[in-house]
Amino acid sequence: LLVDLQMPVMDGYAATARIRELEGGSSSKASENSGSACRVPIIALTAHAMASDEQKCKGVGMDAYLTKPLNLEELTKTM
């Protein structure tokens, strides 16, 4: 799932936190999930290019952080 950090109604941070809550609070990466529940991989796609933004993304449970303009090769590698 690609999420922008600045979305109307609910920003990417809140959306990710809510998804993780619905998943049962999983904070490990999808590949490390040993439980039977599915964990949605979430990638931040944003114009925010500060290290603090990346840390905040990781803190709410995002799996990766990509900045705009999007580099297709980087997206493919990340996915």
N, C-alpha and C. Protein backbone atom coordinates (compact mmCIF):
# COMPACT_ATOMS: atom_id res chain seq x y z
N LEU A 1 0.86 -1.16 0.00
CA LEU A 1 0.00 0.00 0.00
C LEU A 1 0.90 1.22 0.00
N LEU A 2 0.70 2.12 -0.97
CA LEU A 2 1.44 3.38 -1.01
C LEU A 2 0.59 4.44 -0.33
N VAL A 3 1.15 5.15 0.64
CA VAL A 3 0.40 6.21 1.31
C VAL A 3 1.19 7.51 1.27
N ASP A 4 0.47 8.59 1.04
CA ASP A 4 1.05 9.92 1.13
C ASP A 4 0.92 10.37 2.57
N LEU A 5 1.85 11.16 3.04
CA LEU A 5 1.77 11.64 4.41
C LEU A 5 0.70 12.71 4.57
N GLN A 6 0.44 13.46 3.50
CA GLN A 6 -0.57 14.52 3.56
C GLN A 6 -1.77 14.12 2.71
N MET A 7 -2.76 13.51 3.35
CA MET A 7 -3.99 13.13 2.67
C MET A 7 -5.14 13.84 3.37
N PRO A 8 -6.23 14.10 2.64
CA PRO A 8 -7.38 14.72 3.30
C PRO A 8 -8.04 13.75 4.28
N VAL A 9 -8.69 14.27 5.26
CA VAL A 9 -9.43 13.54 6.30
C VAL A 9 -8.49 12.83 7.27
N MET A 10 -7.64 11.94 6.79
CA MET A 10 -6.72 11.19 7.65
C MET A 10 -5.35 11.15 6.97
N ASP A 11 -4.31 11.65 7.66
CA ASP A 11 -2.98 11.65 7.03
C ASP A 11 -2.39 10.24 7.01
N GLY A 12 -1.29 10.09 6.31
CA GLY A 12 -0.66 8.78 6.16
C GLY A 12 -0.21 8.16 7.46
N TYR A 13 0.21 9.00 8.41
CA TYR A 13 0.62 8.48 9.72
C TYR A 13 -0.57 7.84 10.44
N ALA A 14 -1.68 8.58 10.48
CA ALA A 14 -2.88 8.08 11.17
C ALA A 14 -3.45 6.86 10.46
N ALA A 15 -3.45 6.89 9.12
CA ALA A 15 -3.97 5.75 8.36
C ALA A 15 -3.15 4.49 8.65
N THR A 16 -1.83 4.64 8.67
CA THR A 16 -0.96 3.50 8.95
C THR A 16 -1.18 2.98 10.37
N ALA A 17 -1.24 3.89 11.32
CA ALA A 17 -1.45 3.49 12.71
C ALA A 17 -2.77 2.72 12.85
N ARG A 18 -3.81 3.19 12.15
CA ARG A 18 -5.11 2.52 12.21
C ARG A 18 -5.05 1.14 11.57
N ILE A 19 -4.39 1.03 10.44
CA ILE A 19 -4.25 -0.27 9.77
C ILE A 19 -3.52 -1.24 10.68
N ARG A 20 -2.42 -0.79 11.28
CA ARG A 20 -1.65 -1.66 12.18
C ARG A 20 -2.50 -2.06 13.40
N GLU A 21 -3.32 -1.15 13.89
CA GLU A 21 -4.21 -1.46 15.01
C GLU A 21 -5.20 -2.55 14.61
N LEU A 22 -5.76 -2.44 13.42
CA LEU A 22 -6.71 -3.44 12.93
C LEU A 22 -6.04 -4.80 12.71
N GLU A 23 -4.76 -4.76 12.41
CA GLU A 23 -3.99 -6.00 12.22
C GLU A 23 -3.60 -6.63 13.55
N GLY A 24 -3.87 -5.97 14.61
CA GLY A 24 -3.52 -6.50 15.92
C GLY A 24 -2.25 -5.92 16.50
N GLY A 25 -1.87 -4.74 16.01
CA GLY A 25 -0.71 -4.06 16.57
C GLY A 25 0.62 -4.58 16.10
N SER A 26 0.65 -5.28 14.99
CA SER A 26 1.91 -5.82 14.48
C SER A 26 2.88 -4.71 14.16
N SER A 27 4.09 -4.81 14.69
CA SER A 27 5.11 -3.79 14.41
C SER A 27 6.30 -4.36 13.65
N SER A 28 6.29 -5.67 13.41
CA SER A 28 7.40 -6.27 12.67
C SER A 28 7.14 -6.18 11.19
N LYS A 29 8.19 -6.26 10.39
CA LYS A 29 8.04 -6.21 8.95
C LYS A 29 7.28 -7.42 8.46
N ALA A 30 6.62 -7.28 7.31
CA ALA A 30 5.78 -8.35 6.77
C ALA A 30 6.55 -9.65 6.61
N SER A 31 7.79 -9.57 6.17
CA SER A 31 8.58 -10.78 5.96
C SER A 31 8.97 -11.45 7.27
N GLU A 32 8.91 -10.70 8.38
CA GLU A 32 9.29 -11.25 9.67
C GLU A 32 8.09 -11.73 10.48
N ASN A 33 6.89 -11.55 9.92
CA ASN A 33 5.67 -11.91 10.64
C ASN A 33 5.57 -13.42 10.77
N SER A 34 5.59 -13.92 11.99
CA SER A 34 5.53 -15.36 12.21
C SER A 34 4.11 -15.82 12.50
N GLY A 35 3.17 -14.89 12.68
CA GLY A 35 1.79 -15.25 12.97
C GLY A 35 1.04 -15.60 11.70
N SER A 36 -0.20 -16.02 11.86
CA SER A 36 -0.99 -16.42 10.71
C SER A 36 -1.70 -15.24 10.07
N ALA A 37 -1.79 -14.12 10.77
CA ALA A 37 -2.50 -12.95 10.24
C ALA A 37 -1.69 -12.29 9.13
N CYS A 38 -2.38 -11.75 8.16
CA CYS A 38 -1.74 -11.04 7.05
C CYS A 38 -1.36 -9.64 7.50
N ARG A 39 -0.19 -9.18 7.11
CA ARG A 39 0.27 -7.83 7.43
C ARG A 39 0.50 -7.10 6.12
N VAL A 40 -0.19 -6.00 5.93
CA VAL A 40 -0.10 -5.22 4.71
C VAL A 40 1.21 -4.44 4.69
N PRO A 41 2.03 -4.60 3.64
CA PRO A 41 3.22 -3.76 3.52
C PRO A 41 2.80 -2.33 3.18
N ILE A 42 3.32 -1.37 3.91
CA ILE A 42 2.95 0.03 3.70
C ILE A 42 4.21 0.83 3.38
N ILE A 43 4.16 1.56 2.26
CA ILE A 43 5.29 2.38 1.81
C ILE A 43 4.85 3.83 1.78
N ALA A 44 5.58 4.68 2.49
CA ALA A 44 5.31 6.12 2.45
C ALA A 44 5.83 6.67 1.12
N LEU A 45 5.01 7.46 0.46
CA LEU A 45 5.41 8.14 -0.77
C LEU A 45 5.11 9.62 -0.54
N THR A 46 6.16 10.42 -0.40
CA THR A 46 5.95 11.79 0.07
C THR A 46 6.98 12.77 -0.46
N ALA A 47 6.64 14.04 -0.41
CA ALA A 47 7.58 15.10 -0.74
C ALA A 47 8.42 15.47 0.48
N HIS A 48 8.05 14.97 1.65
CA HIS A 48 8.80 15.23 2.89
C HIS A 48 10.13 14.47 2.81
N ALA A 49 11.23 15.18 2.86
CA ALA A 49 12.53 14.53 2.70
C ALA A 49 13.42 14.70 3.93
N MET A 50 12.84 14.88 5.08
CA MET A 50 13.60 15.05 6.32
C MET A 50 13.78 13.70 7.01
N ALA A 51 14.93 13.51 7.63
CA ALA A 51 15.19 12.26 8.36
C ALA A 51 14.15 12.04 9.45
N SER A 52 13.69 13.12 10.07
CA SER A 52 12.69 12.99 11.13
C SER A 52 11.36 12.46 10.59
N ASP A 53 11.02 12.82 9.34
CA ASP A 53 9.80 12.29 8.72
C ASP A 53 9.93 10.79 8.50
N GLU A 54 11.10 10.36 8.04
CA GLU A 54 11.32 8.93 7.82
C GLU A 54 11.22 8.16 9.14
N GLN A 55 11.80 8.71 10.19
CA GLN A 55 11.74 8.05 11.51
C GLN A 55 10.30 7.95 12.00
N LYS A 56 9.53 9.01 11.80
CA LYS A 56 8.13 9.01 12.22
C LYS A 56 7.34 7.95 11.44
N CYS A 57 7.65 7.80 10.15
CA CYS A 57 6.99 6.77 9.33
C CYS A 57 7.28 5.38 9.89
N LYS A 58 8.53 5.12 10.19
CA LYS A 58 8.91 3.83 10.76
C LYS A 58 8.24 3.63 12.12
N GLY A 59 8.12 4.71 12.89
CA GLY A 59 7.54 4.64 14.22
C GLY A 59 6.07 4.23 14.23
N VAL A 60 5.32 4.58 13.18
CA VAL A 60 3.91 4.20 13.13
C VAL A 60 3.69 2.88 12.42
N GLY A 61 4.78 2.28 11.90
CA GLY A 61 4.66 0.96 11.31
C GLY A 61 4.79 0.88 9.80
N MET A 62 5.22 1.96 9.16
CA MET A 62 5.45 1.88 7.72
C MET A 62 6.70 1.06 7.47
N ASP A 63 6.70 0.34 6.36
CA ASP A 63 7.81 -0.56 6.04
C ASP A 63 8.92 0.10 5.25
N ALA A 64 8.58 1.14 4.50
CA ALA A 64 9.58 1.82 3.68
C ALA A 64 9.15 3.27 3.47
N TYR A 65 10.09 4.07 2.98
CA TYR A 65 9.91 5.51 2.84
C TYR A 65 10.53 5.95 1.53
N LEU A 66 9.71 6.46 0.61
CA LEU A 66 10.20 6.94 -0.67
C LEU A 66 9.79 8.40 -0.84
N THR A 67 10.67 9.19 -1.44
CA THR A 67 10.36 10.61 -1.65
C THR A 67 10.02 10.88 -3.11
N LYS A 68 9.24 11.94 -3.28
CA LYS A 68 8.88 12.41 -4.62
C LYS A 68 9.96 13.37 -5.08
N PRO A 69 10.25 13.48 -6.36
CA PRO A 69 9.61 12.71 -7.43
C PRO A 69 10.01 11.24 -7.35
N LEU A 70 9.06 10.40 -7.67
CA LEU A 70 9.25 8.97 -7.55
C LEU A 70 10.21 8.45 -8.61
N ASN A 71 11.14 7.63 -8.18
CA ASN A 71 12.06 6.94 -9.07
C ASN A 71 11.52 5.52 -9.23
N LEU A 72 11.11 5.16 -10.44
CA LEU A 72 10.48 3.86 -10.68
C LEU A 72 11.38 2.70 -10.29
N GLU A 73 12.67 2.83 -10.55
CA GLU A 73 13.61 1.77 -10.18
C GLU A 73 13.67 1.59 -8.66
N GLU A 74 13.67 2.69 -7.94
CA GLU A 74 13.69 2.63 -6.48
C GLU A 74 12.40 2.01 -5.94
N LEU A 75 11.26 2.36 -6.54
CA LEU A 75 9.98 1.78 -6.13
C LEU A 75 9.98 0.27 -6.36
N THR A 76 10.43 -0.15 -7.52
CA THR A 76 10.48 -1.57 -7.84
C THR A 76 11.38 -2.32 -6.86
N LYS A 77 12.53 -1.77 -6.55
CA LYS A 77 13.46 -2.38 -5.60
C LYS A 77 12.83 -2.47 -4.21
N THR A 78 12.13 -1.43 -3.81
CA THR A 78 11.51 -1.39 -2.48
C THR A 78 10.39 -2.41 -2.36
N MET A 79 9.61 -2.55 -3.43
CA MET A 79 8.50 -3.50 -3.39
C MET A 79 9.00 -4.92 -3.43
